[in-house]
Amino acid sequence: MQRLFRILVLTCFLAGISFHAIAQIANEYDVKSTFIYHFIKSYVQWPETAQASKEGRFNICVFGESPIADYKSFFDKVSTSKLKISLLDISSIASAESRCHVVFIGKSETDAVKDILSSLAGKPLLTVSDINNFASAGGMIEFVINDDKVKMIINTKPAQTASLRIDSALLDIALKVLR
C-alpha cells in the first residue's frame, strides 16, 4: 500500500497534480473503507439465511475499477477472530451471490450499473458505490462528497427487498434517505 502511494505521488507530481489532491483522494477512500467496515460490524443486519451471519465471515467484493480495491490490508487488520473480513476482486457479477456479502461497484461500471443492480436485486448483498445517482438507480448506499466530506445517500427499498436491515443510526447520519 505504501509503495502504491509513493508511485501515485510520483506519477501525480510528474503529471502536475498537487500533493493536496493526492492526499484528498487517499483520505476519501480511507473514510469509505472505514464506513464499509462499520456497515458490516454494526449497522447492517443480514438475514439468518446468509452464511455470513452464521460464521462471522464477510466478503467485500469489488466489481470494476476502484481505489477501494487497494484496501485489502486495511480489512485484514480490522478483522478479528469473531469477524473475518476479506476484500476480493471479482470479474463477473454472476459470482457475487455465491462469494460476496457486500458488493462495491467501481465507477468504471457507470454505464452498466442499472443492469448490475437488476441482476443483484433481492439477493442478500449490500450494494455500495460512489457512482453518481447510484442510490436512485436502485443501489443501497451511495457515497457522495458534500462540503469536502464523505456522506451517504441510502436507499432503503432495495435493502428491504434483499432482507437486509439498515440500522436507524446509520439512516440518521445519511445526507439523504430514499424510501
N, C-alpha and C. Protein backbone atom coordinates (compact mmCIF):
# COMPACT_ATOMS: atom_id res chain seq x y z
N MET A 1 0.82 -1.18 0.00
CA MET A 1 0.00 0.00 0.00
C MET A 1 0.87 1.26 0.00
N GLN A 2 1.92 1.26 0.84
CA GLN A 2 2.80 2.40 0.92
C GLN A 2 3.55 2.59 -0.41
N ARG A 3 3.94 1.49 -1.03
CA ARG A 3 4.64 1.55 -2.31
C ARG A 3 3.71 2.13 -3.37
N LEU A 4 2.46 1.67 -3.36
CA LEU A 4 1.47 2.17 -4.31
C LEU A 4 1.27 3.68 -4.13
N PHE A 5 1.23 4.13 -2.88
CA PHE A 5 1.06 5.55 -2.59
C PHE A 5 2.25 6.35 -3.14
N ARG A 6 3.45 5.84 -2.95
CA ARG A 6 4.65 6.53 -3.46
C ARG A 6 4.61 6.64 -4.97
N ILE A 7 4.21 5.56 -5.63
CA ILE A 7 4.12 5.57 -7.10
C ILE A 7 3.07 6.59 -7.53
N LEU A 8 1.93 6.63 -6.83
CA LEU A 8 0.87 7.58 -7.13
C LEU A 8 1.38 9.02 -6.95
N VAL A 9 2.09 9.29 -5.88
CA VAL A 9 2.64 10.62 -5.63
C VAL A 9 3.59 11.03 -6.75
N LEU A 10 4.51 10.15 -7.12
CA LEU A 10 5.47 10.44 -8.18
C LEU A 10 4.76 10.68 -9.51
N THR A 11 3.84 9.81 -9.84
CA THR A 11 3.10 9.94 -11.10
C THR A 11 2.35 11.27 -11.14
N CYS A 12 1.68 11.60 -10.05
CA CYS A 12 0.91 12.84 -10.00
C CYS A 12 1.83 14.06 -10.04
N PHE A 13 2.98 13.97 -9.37
CA PHE A 13 3.96 15.06 -9.40
C PHE A 13 4.40 15.31 -10.84
N LEU A 14 4.74 14.23 -11.54
CA LEU A 14 5.19 14.36 -12.91
C LEU A 14 4.07 14.87 -13.82
N ALA A 15 2.83 14.54 -13.48
CA ALA A 15 1.69 14.99 -14.28
C ALA A 15 1.22 16.38 -13.87
N GLY A 16 1.80 16.93 -12.79
CA GLY A 16 1.44 18.27 -12.37
C GLY A 16 0.26 18.34 -11.41
N ILE A 17 -0.10 17.22 -10.79
CA ILE A 17 -1.20 17.21 -9.84
C ILE A 17 -0.63 17.48 -8.45
N SER A 18 -1.30 18.30 -7.67
CA SER A 18 -0.78 18.69 -6.36
C SER A 18 -0.84 17.56 -5.35
N PHE A 19 0.05 17.63 -4.35
CA PHE A 19 0.06 16.66 -3.26
C PHE A 19 -1.24 16.72 -2.48
N HIS A 20 -1.80 17.93 -2.34
CA HIS A 20 -3.07 18.09 -1.63
C HIS A 20 -4.16 17.26 -2.30
N ALA A 21 -4.21 17.26 -3.62
CA ALA A 21 -5.22 16.48 -4.34
C ALA A 21 -5.01 14.99 -4.10
N ILE A 22 -3.77 14.54 -4.04
CA ILE A 22 -3.47 13.12 -3.78
C ILE A 22 -3.92 12.75 -2.38
N ALA A 23 -3.59 13.59 -1.42
CA ALA A 23 -3.98 13.31 -0.03
C ALA A 23 -5.49 13.27 0.11
N GLN A 24 -6.19 14.13 -0.61
CA GLN A 24 -7.65 14.14 -0.56
C GLN A 24 -8.21 12.83 -1.08
N ILE A 25 -7.67 12.31 -2.19
CA ILE A 25 -8.14 11.05 -2.76
C ILE A 25 -7.88 9.92 -1.78
N ALA A 26 -6.66 9.86 -1.22
CA ALA A 26 -6.33 8.80 -0.27
C ALA A 26 -7.24 8.88 0.94
N ASN A 27 -7.43 10.07 1.48
CA ASN A 27 -8.27 10.25 2.65
C ASN A 27 -9.72 9.85 2.34
N GLU A 28 -10.21 10.18 1.18
CA GLU A 28 -11.57 9.83 0.78
C GLU A 28 -11.80 8.32 0.85
N TYR A 29 -10.86 7.56 0.34
CA TYR A 29 -11.03 6.10 0.34
C TYR A 29 -10.71 5.48 1.69
N ASP A 30 -9.91 6.15 2.52
CA ASP A 30 -9.75 5.72 3.91
C ASP A 30 -11.11 5.79 4.60
N VAL A 31 -11.81 6.90 4.40
CA VAL A 31 -13.11 7.10 5.04
C VAL A 31 -14.13 6.09 4.50
N LYS A 32 -14.14 5.89 3.20
CA LYS A 32 -15.10 4.95 2.61
C LYS A 32 -14.85 3.53 3.12
N SER A 33 -13.60 3.13 3.22
CA SER A 33 -13.26 1.80 3.75
C SER A 33 -13.72 1.66 5.20
N THR A 34 -13.51 2.71 5.98
CA THR A 34 -13.92 2.68 7.38
C THR A 34 -15.44 2.58 7.48
N PHE A 35 -16.14 3.33 6.64
CA PHE A 35 -17.60 3.23 6.63
C PHE A 35 -18.03 1.78 6.32
N ILE A 36 -17.46 1.19 5.30
CA ILE A 36 -17.84 -0.18 4.92
C ILE A 36 -17.60 -1.15 6.07
N TYR A 37 -16.47 -1.00 6.74
CA TYR A 37 -16.19 -1.83 7.91
C TYR A 37 -17.30 -1.69 8.95
N HIS A 38 -17.71 -0.46 9.23
CA HIS A 38 -18.75 -0.23 10.23
C HIS A 38 -20.12 -0.69 9.76
N PHE A 39 -20.38 -0.64 8.45
CA PHE A 39 -21.65 -1.20 7.95
C PHE A 39 -21.73 -2.66 8.37
N ILE A 40 -20.65 -3.40 8.13
CA ILE A 40 -20.61 -4.83 8.43
C ILE A 40 -20.67 -5.08 9.94
N LYS A 41 -19.86 -4.34 10.66
CA LYS A 41 -19.72 -4.58 12.10
C LYS A 41 -20.97 -4.20 12.88
N SER A 42 -21.60 -3.09 12.54
CA SER A 42 -22.63 -2.55 13.43
C SER A 42 -23.94 -2.12 12.80
N TYR A 43 -23.95 -1.74 11.55
CA TYR A 43 -25.12 -1.03 11.04
C TYR A 43 -25.99 -1.75 10.01
N VAL A 44 -25.57 -2.89 9.54
CA VAL A 44 -26.39 -3.65 8.60
C VAL A 44 -26.53 -5.06 9.14
N GLN A 45 -27.76 -5.53 9.12
CA GLN A 45 -28.01 -6.90 9.58
C GLN A 45 -28.45 -7.74 8.39
N TRP A 46 -27.74 -8.83 8.19
CA TRP A 46 -28.05 -9.76 7.12
C TRP A 46 -29.07 -10.78 7.64
N PRO A 47 -29.85 -11.39 6.74
CA PRO A 47 -30.81 -12.40 7.19
C PRO A 47 -30.09 -13.64 7.73
N GLU A 48 -30.75 -14.37 8.59
CA GLU A 48 -30.16 -15.59 9.19
C GLU A 48 -29.74 -16.60 8.12
N THR A 49 -30.39 -16.56 6.99
CA THR A 49 -30.05 -17.50 5.91
C THR A 49 -28.70 -17.18 5.27
N ALA A 50 -28.22 -15.96 5.45
CA ALA A 50 -26.93 -15.58 4.86
C ALA A 50 -25.80 -16.26 5.63
N GLN A 51 -24.91 -16.88 4.93
CA GLN A 51 -23.79 -17.61 5.53
C GLN A 51 -22.96 -16.71 6.45
N ALA A 52 -22.86 -15.45 6.11
CA ALA A 52 -22.04 -14.51 6.89
C ALA A 52 -22.50 -14.41 8.33
N SER A 53 -23.81 -14.33 8.52
CA SER A 53 -24.31 -14.13 9.88
C SER A 53 -24.04 -15.34 10.76
N LYS A 54 -23.90 -16.52 10.18
CA LYS A 54 -23.66 -17.73 10.95
C LYS A 54 -22.18 -17.91 11.31
N GLU A 55 -21.30 -17.52 10.41
CA GLU A 55 -19.88 -17.79 10.57
C GLU A 55 -19.04 -16.58 10.97
N GLY A 56 -19.59 -15.37 10.87
CA GLY A 56 -18.81 -14.18 11.17
C GLY A 56 -17.76 -13.89 10.10
N ARG A 57 -17.99 -14.40 8.89
CA ARG A 57 -17.07 -14.17 7.77
C ARG A 57 -17.80 -13.34 6.72
N PHE A 58 -17.17 -12.25 6.32
CA PHE A 58 -17.78 -11.37 5.33
C PHE A 58 -16.80 -11.12 4.20
N ASN A 59 -17.30 -11.22 2.98
CA ASN A 59 -16.51 -10.91 1.80
C ASN A 59 -17.04 -9.62 1.18
N ILE A 60 -16.14 -8.66 1.04
CA ILE A 60 -16.44 -7.44 0.31
C ILE A 60 -15.87 -7.67 -1.08
N CYS A 61 -16.73 -7.62 -2.08
CA CYS A 61 -16.28 -7.84 -3.45
C CYS A 61 -16.28 -6.52 -4.20
N VAL A 62 -15.21 -6.27 -4.91
CA VAL A 62 -15.09 -5.07 -5.73
C VAL A 62 -15.28 -5.50 -7.18
N PHE A 63 -16.31 -4.91 -7.80
CA PHE A 63 -16.58 -5.19 -9.21
C PHE A 63 -16.30 -3.91 -9.99
N GLY A 64 -15.38 -3.98 -10.93
CA GLY A 64 -14.97 -2.80 -11.68
C GLY A 64 -13.76 -2.17 -11.03
N GLU A 65 -13.30 -1.08 -11.61
CA GLU A 65 -12.09 -0.42 -11.12
C GLU A 65 -12.44 0.62 -10.07
N SER A 66 -11.74 0.52 -8.94
CA SER A 66 -11.93 1.49 -7.85
C SER A 66 -10.72 1.46 -6.92
N PRO A 67 -10.34 2.61 -6.39
CA PRO A 67 -9.25 2.63 -5.40
C PRO A 67 -9.56 1.81 -4.15
N ILE A 68 -10.81 1.51 -3.90
CA ILE A 68 -11.19 0.71 -2.73
C ILE A 68 -10.53 -0.67 -2.80
N ALA A 69 -10.23 -1.13 -4.00
CA ALA A 69 -9.60 -2.44 -4.19
C ALA A 69 -8.20 -2.50 -3.56
N ASP A 70 -7.61 -1.34 -3.29
CA ASP A 70 -6.27 -1.29 -2.68
C ASP A 70 -6.30 -1.36 -1.16
N TYR A 71 -7.46 -1.58 -0.58
CA TYR A 71 -7.61 -1.56 0.88
C TYR A 71 -7.69 -2.95 1.51
N LYS A 72 -7.18 -3.94 0.83
CA LYS A 72 -7.18 -5.31 1.37
C LYS A 72 -6.49 -5.38 2.73
N SER A 73 -5.35 -4.74 2.85
CA SER A 73 -4.62 -4.80 4.13
C SER A 73 -5.40 -4.13 5.26
N PHE A 74 -6.16 -3.09 4.95
CA PHE A 74 -6.99 -2.44 5.97
C PHE A 74 -8.01 -3.44 6.52
N PHE A 75 -8.69 -4.14 5.62
CA PHE A 75 -9.72 -5.09 6.08
C PHE A 75 -9.10 -6.29 6.78
N ASP A 76 -7.90 -6.69 6.36
CA ASP A 76 -7.19 -7.75 7.09
C ASP A 76 -6.88 -7.30 8.52
N LYS A 77 -6.46 -6.04 8.68
CA LYS A 77 -6.09 -5.52 10.00
C LYS A 77 -7.29 -5.39 10.94
N VAL A 78 -8.45 -5.02 10.41
CA VAL A 78 -9.61 -4.82 11.29
C VAL A 78 -10.35 -6.12 11.58
N SER A 79 -9.98 -7.18 10.89
CA SER A 79 -10.61 -8.49 11.14
C SER A 79 -10.21 -8.99 12.52
N THR A 80 -11.14 -9.70 13.15
CA THR A 80 -10.89 -10.31 14.46
C THR A 80 -11.24 -11.79 14.37
N SER A 81 -11.05 -12.51 15.46
CA SER A 81 -11.41 -13.92 15.46
C SER A 81 -12.92 -14.11 15.31
N LYS A 82 -13.71 -13.11 15.72
CA LYS A 82 -15.17 -13.20 15.61
C LYS A 82 -15.72 -12.58 14.34
N LEU A 83 -14.94 -11.74 13.68
CA LEU A 83 -15.39 -11.05 12.48
C LEU A 83 -14.24 -11.02 11.48
N LYS A 84 -14.28 -11.91 10.50
CA LYS A 84 -13.25 -12.00 9.47
C LYS A 84 -13.77 -11.32 8.21
N ILE A 85 -13.06 -10.30 7.77
CA ILE A 85 -13.46 -9.55 6.58
C ILE A 85 -12.39 -9.70 5.51
N SER A 86 -12.82 -10.09 4.32
CA SER A 86 -11.90 -10.23 3.19
C SER A 86 -12.35 -9.32 2.06
N LEU A 87 -11.39 -8.80 1.33
CA LEU A 87 -11.66 -7.96 0.17
C LEU A 87 -11.26 -8.75 -1.07
N LEU A 88 -12.21 -8.94 -1.97
CA LEU A 88 -11.97 -9.73 -3.17
C LEU A 88 -12.28 -8.91 -4.42
N ASP A 89 -11.50 -9.09 -5.46
CA ASP A 89 -11.84 -8.53 -6.77
C ASP A 89 -12.62 -9.60 -7.51
N ILE A 90 -13.74 -9.20 -8.10
CA ILE A 90 -14.48 -10.16 -8.92
C ILE A 90 -14.58 -9.61 -10.34
N SER A 91 -14.49 -10.50 -11.30
CA SER A 91 -14.54 -10.07 -12.70
C SER A 91 -15.90 -10.34 -13.32
N SER A 92 -16.75 -11.08 -12.60
CA SER A 92 -18.09 -11.39 -13.09
C SER A 92 -19.10 -11.12 -11.98
N ILE A 93 -20.10 -10.35 -12.28
CA ILE A 93 -21.12 -10.05 -11.27
C ILE A 93 -21.93 -11.30 -10.94
N ALA A 94 -21.94 -12.27 -11.84
CA ALA A 94 -22.66 -13.52 -11.59
C ALA A 94 -22.08 -14.28 -10.40
N SER A 95 -20.81 -14.08 -10.11
CA SER A 95 -20.19 -14.79 -8.98
C SER A 95 -20.48 -14.12 -7.64
N ALA A 96 -21.09 -12.96 -7.65
CA ALA A 96 -21.31 -12.20 -6.42
C ALA A 96 -22.20 -12.94 -5.43
N GLU A 97 -23.27 -13.55 -5.89
CA GLU A 97 -24.21 -14.17 -4.97
C GLU A 97 -23.57 -15.28 -4.14
N SER A 98 -22.70 -16.04 -4.74
CA SER A 98 -22.09 -17.16 -4.02
C SER A 98 -20.83 -16.76 -3.23
N ARG A 99 -20.25 -15.60 -3.51
CA ARG A 99 -18.97 -15.24 -2.88
C ARG A 99 -19.02 -14.01 -2.00
N CYS A 100 -20.03 -13.17 -2.14
CA CYS A 100 -19.99 -11.83 -1.55
C CYS A 100 -21.11 -11.56 -0.55
N HIS A 101 -20.85 -10.59 0.32
CA HIS A 101 -21.86 -10.07 1.24
C HIS A 101 -22.06 -8.59 0.98
N VAL A 102 -20.98 -7.93 0.58
CA VAL A 102 -21.01 -6.53 0.17
C VAL A 102 -20.42 -6.48 -1.23
N VAL A 103 -21.10 -5.77 -2.13
CA VAL A 103 -20.57 -5.58 -3.48
C VAL A 103 -20.34 -4.09 -3.68
N PHE A 104 -19.06 -3.72 -3.83
CA PHE A 104 -18.70 -2.34 -4.14
C PHE A 104 -18.54 -2.26 -5.65
N ILE A 105 -19.34 -1.42 -6.29
CA ILE A 105 -19.32 -1.31 -7.75
C ILE A 105 -18.51 -0.06 -8.11
N GLY A 106 -17.40 -0.28 -8.83
CA GLY A 106 -16.50 0.80 -9.20
C GLY A 106 -17.07 1.72 -10.26
N LYS A 107 -16.54 2.92 -10.33
CA LYS A 107 -17.01 3.92 -11.28
C LYS A 107 -16.85 3.48 -12.74
N SER A 108 -15.95 2.53 -12.98
CA SER A 108 -15.76 2.04 -14.34
C SER A 108 -17.02 1.35 -14.86
N GLU A 109 -17.94 1.02 -13.96
CA GLU A 109 -19.17 0.31 -14.34
C GLU A 109 -20.38 1.24 -14.43
N THR A 110 -20.14 2.55 -14.53
CA THR A 110 -21.22 3.53 -14.56
C THR A 110 -22.26 3.21 -15.63
N ASP A 111 -21.84 2.89 -16.83
CA ASP A 111 -22.78 2.64 -17.93
C ASP A 111 -23.61 1.38 -17.73
N ALA A 112 -23.11 0.42 -16.95
CA ALA A 112 -23.80 -0.85 -16.76
C ALA A 112 -24.47 -0.97 -15.40
N VAL A 113 -24.47 0.11 -14.61
CA VAL A 113 -24.92 -0.01 -13.22
C VAL A 113 -26.37 -0.48 -13.08
N LYS A 114 -27.27 -0.03 -13.94
CA LYS A 114 -28.67 -0.46 -13.83
C LYS A 114 -28.80 -1.96 -14.08
N ASP A 115 -28.08 -2.48 -15.06
CA ASP A 115 -28.12 -3.92 -15.34
C ASP A 115 -27.51 -4.71 -14.19
N ILE A 116 -26.42 -4.20 -13.63
CA ILE A 116 -25.76 -4.87 -12.49
C ILE A 116 -26.71 -4.93 -11.31
N LEU A 117 -27.32 -3.81 -10.97
CA LEU A 117 -28.24 -3.76 -9.83
C LEU A 117 -29.46 -4.65 -10.07
N SER A 118 -29.92 -4.71 -11.29
CA SER A 118 -31.05 -5.58 -11.62
C SER A 118 -30.70 -7.05 -11.38
N SER A 119 -29.47 -7.43 -11.73
CA SER A 119 -29.05 -8.83 -11.53
C SER A 119 -28.84 -9.18 -10.06
N LEU A 120 -28.61 -8.17 -9.22
CA LEU A 120 -28.38 -8.40 -7.78
C LEU A 120 -29.64 -8.19 -6.94
N ALA A 121 -30.69 -7.66 -7.55
CA ALA A 121 -31.91 -7.31 -6.82
C ALA A 121 -32.49 -8.51 -6.06
N GLY A 122 -32.84 -8.28 -4.81
CA GLY A 122 -33.47 -9.30 -3.99
C GLY A 122 -32.52 -10.27 -3.33
N LYS A 123 -31.25 -10.20 -3.67
CA LYS A 123 -30.25 -11.08 -3.08
C LYS A 123 -29.69 -10.41 -1.82
N PRO A 124 -29.33 -11.18 -0.79
CA PRO A 124 -28.85 -10.57 0.46
C PRO A 124 -27.42 -10.03 0.34
N LEU A 125 -27.26 -9.06 -0.55
CA LEU A 125 -25.97 -8.43 -0.82
C LEU A 125 -26.12 -6.93 -0.64
N LEU A 126 -25.28 -6.33 0.17
CA LEU A 126 -25.28 -4.89 0.34
C LEU A 126 -24.55 -4.27 -0.84
N THR A 127 -25.25 -3.44 -1.60
CA THR A 127 -24.62 -2.80 -2.76
C THR A 127 -24.19 -1.39 -2.38
N VAL A 128 -22.93 -1.07 -2.70
CA VAL A 128 -22.31 0.19 -2.32
C VAL A 128 -21.53 0.71 -3.52
N SER A 129 -21.53 2.03 -3.71
CA SER A 129 -20.75 2.61 -4.81
C SER A 129 -20.58 4.10 -4.60
N ASP A 130 -19.68 4.67 -5.39
CA ASP A 130 -19.55 6.12 -5.44
C ASP A 130 -19.90 6.63 -6.84
N ILE A 131 -20.65 5.83 -7.57
CA ILE A 131 -21.17 6.24 -8.88
C ILE A 131 -22.28 7.26 -8.64
N ASN A 132 -22.27 8.36 -9.40
CA ASN A 132 -23.33 9.37 -9.28
C ASN A 132 -24.70 8.75 -9.53
N ASN A 133 -25.66 9.09 -8.68
CA ASN A 133 -27.05 8.63 -8.78
C ASN A 133 -27.21 7.13 -8.58
N PHE A 134 -26.25 6.51 -7.91
CA PHE A 134 -26.29 5.07 -7.64
C PHE A 134 -27.53 4.69 -6.83
N ALA A 135 -27.81 5.42 -5.78
CA ALA A 135 -28.96 5.10 -4.92
C ALA A 135 -30.28 5.26 -5.68
N SER A 136 -30.40 6.29 -6.46
CA SER A 136 -31.64 6.49 -7.22
C SER A 136 -31.79 5.46 -8.33
N ALA A 137 -30.69 4.83 -8.74
CA ALA A 137 -30.75 3.77 -9.75
C ALA A 137 -31.10 2.42 -9.13
N GLY A 138 -31.21 2.36 -7.80
CA GLY A 138 -31.56 1.10 -7.13
C GLY A 138 -30.46 0.52 -6.27
N GLY A 139 -29.34 1.25 -6.12
CA GLY A 139 -28.28 0.81 -5.21
C GLY A 139 -28.67 1.14 -3.78
N MET A 140 -28.03 0.50 -2.83
CA MET A 140 -28.39 0.68 -1.42
C MET A 140 -27.68 1.85 -0.76
N ILE A 141 -26.35 1.93 -0.92
CA ILE A 141 -25.59 3.02 -0.28
C ILE A 141 -24.68 3.66 -1.32
N GLU A 142 -24.88 4.95 -1.50
CA GLU A 142 -24.07 5.74 -2.43
C GLU A 142 -23.22 6.71 -1.63
N PHE A 143 -21.90 6.65 -1.85
CA PHE A 143 -21.01 7.63 -1.25
C PHE A 143 -20.98 8.88 -2.12
N VAL A 144 -21.10 10.03 -1.48
CA VAL A 144 -21.01 11.31 -2.18
C VAL A 144 -20.09 12.22 -1.39
N ILE A 145 -19.52 13.20 -2.07
CA ILE A 145 -18.71 14.21 -1.40
C ILE A 145 -19.59 15.45 -1.27
N ASN A 146 -19.74 15.92 -0.02
CA ASN A 146 -20.57 17.09 0.26
C ASN A 146 -19.80 17.93 1.27
N ASP A 147 -19.53 19.18 0.92
CA ASP A 147 -18.73 20.07 1.79
C ASP A 147 -17.39 19.43 2.14
N ASP A 148 -16.75 18.81 1.15
CA ASP A 148 -15.44 18.17 1.31
C ASP A 148 -15.45 17.00 2.31
N LYS A 149 -16.60 16.42 2.54
CA LYS A 149 -16.71 15.27 3.44
C LYS A 149 -17.43 14.13 2.73
N VAL A 150 -17.06 12.90 3.10
CA VAL A 150 -17.75 11.73 2.54
C VAL A 150 -19.07 11.58 3.27
N LYS A 151 -20.14 11.57 2.51
CA LYS A 151 -21.50 11.40 3.04
C LYS A 151 -22.15 10.23 2.30
N MET A 152 -23.35 9.89 2.74
CA MET A 152 -24.06 8.76 2.12
C MET A 152 -25.47 9.15 1.73
N ILE A 153 -25.92 8.58 0.63
CA ILE A 153 -27.33 8.57 0.27
C ILE A 153 -27.73 7.10 0.38
N ILE A 154 -28.76 6.82 1.16
CA ILE A 154 -29.16 5.44 1.41
C ILE A 154 -30.55 5.20 0.85
N ASN A 155 -30.68 4.12 0.09
CA ASN A 155 -31.96 3.71 -0.48
C ASN A 155 -32.41 2.47 0.29
N THR A 156 -33.45 2.62 1.11
CA THR A 156 -33.89 1.52 1.96
C THR A 156 -34.71 0.47 1.22
N LYS A 157 -35.34 0.84 0.12
CA LYS A 157 -36.22 -0.11 -0.58
C LYS A 157 -35.47 -1.35 -1.09
N PRO A 158 -34.34 -1.19 -1.83
CA PRO A 158 -33.65 -2.40 -2.28
C PRO A 158 -33.07 -3.21 -1.11
N ALA A 159 -32.71 -2.54 -0.02
CA ALA A 159 -32.21 -3.26 1.16
C ALA A 159 -33.33 -4.13 1.75
N GLN A 160 -34.52 -3.57 1.87
CA GLN A 160 -35.66 -4.34 2.39
C GLN A 160 -35.98 -5.51 1.48
N THR A 161 -35.95 -5.29 0.17
CA THR A 161 -36.22 -6.36 -0.80
C THR A 161 -35.20 -7.48 -0.66
N ALA A 162 -33.97 -7.14 -0.28
CA ALA A 162 -32.90 -8.13 -0.11
C ALA A 162 -32.86 -8.70 1.31
N SER A 163 -33.83 -8.34 2.14
CA SER A 163 -33.91 -8.79 3.54
C SER A 163 -32.74 -8.31 4.39
N LEU A 164 -32.19 -7.15 4.03
CA LEU A 164 -31.14 -6.52 4.83
C LEU A 164 -31.78 -5.43 5.68
N ARG A 165 -31.34 -5.33 6.90
CA ARG A 165 -31.88 -4.31 7.80
C ARG A 165 -30.78 -3.29 8.07
N ILE A 166 -31.04 -2.04 7.70
CA ILE A 166 -30.10 -0.95 7.93
C ILE A 166 -30.53 -0.24 9.21
N ASP A 167 -29.61 -0.15 10.15
CA ASP A 167 -29.89 0.44 11.46
C ASP A 167 -30.30 1.92 11.31
N SER A 168 -31.23 2.33 12.14
CA SER A 168 -31.71 3.71 12.09
C SER A 168 -30.61 4.73 12.40
N ALA A 169 -29.61 4.33 13.18
CA ALA A 169 -28.50 5.24 13.48
C ALA A 169 -27.73 5.60 12.20
N LEU A 170 -27.60 4.66 11.27
CA LEU A 170 -26.94 4.94 10.01
C LEU A 170 -27.81 5.85 9.14
N LEU A 171 -29.11 5.57 9.17
CA LEU A 171 -30.04 6.42 8.40
C LEU A 171 -30.01 7.85 8.92
N ASP A 172 -29.84 8.03 10.22
CA ASP A 172 -29.81 9.35 10.84
C ASP A 172 -28.63 10.20 10.37
N ILE A 173 -27.50 9.56 10.05
CA ILE A 173 -26.34 10.34 9.63
C ILE A 173 -26.22 10.46 8.11
N ALA A 174 -27.14 9.84 7.39
CA ALA A 174 -27.11 9.91 5.93
C ALA A 174 -27.47 11.32 5.47
N LEU A 175 -26.87 11.72 4.37
CA LEU A 175 -27.20 13.00 3.75
C LEU A 175 -28.65 13.00 3.28
N LYS A 176 -29.06 11.83 2.76
CA LYS A 176 -30.41 11.69 2.22
C LYS A 176 -30.82 10.22 2.33
N VAL A 177 -32.07 9.97 2.62
CA VAL A 177 -32.60 8.60 2.67
C VAL A 177 -33.74 8.51 1.66
N LEU A 178 -33.62 7.56 0.75
CA LEU A 178 -34.68 7.29 -0.22
C LEU A 178 -35.49 6.12 0.29
N ARG A 179 -36.79 6.24 0.29
CA ARG A 179 -37.65 5.16 0.81
C ARG A 179 -38.60 4.67 -0.26
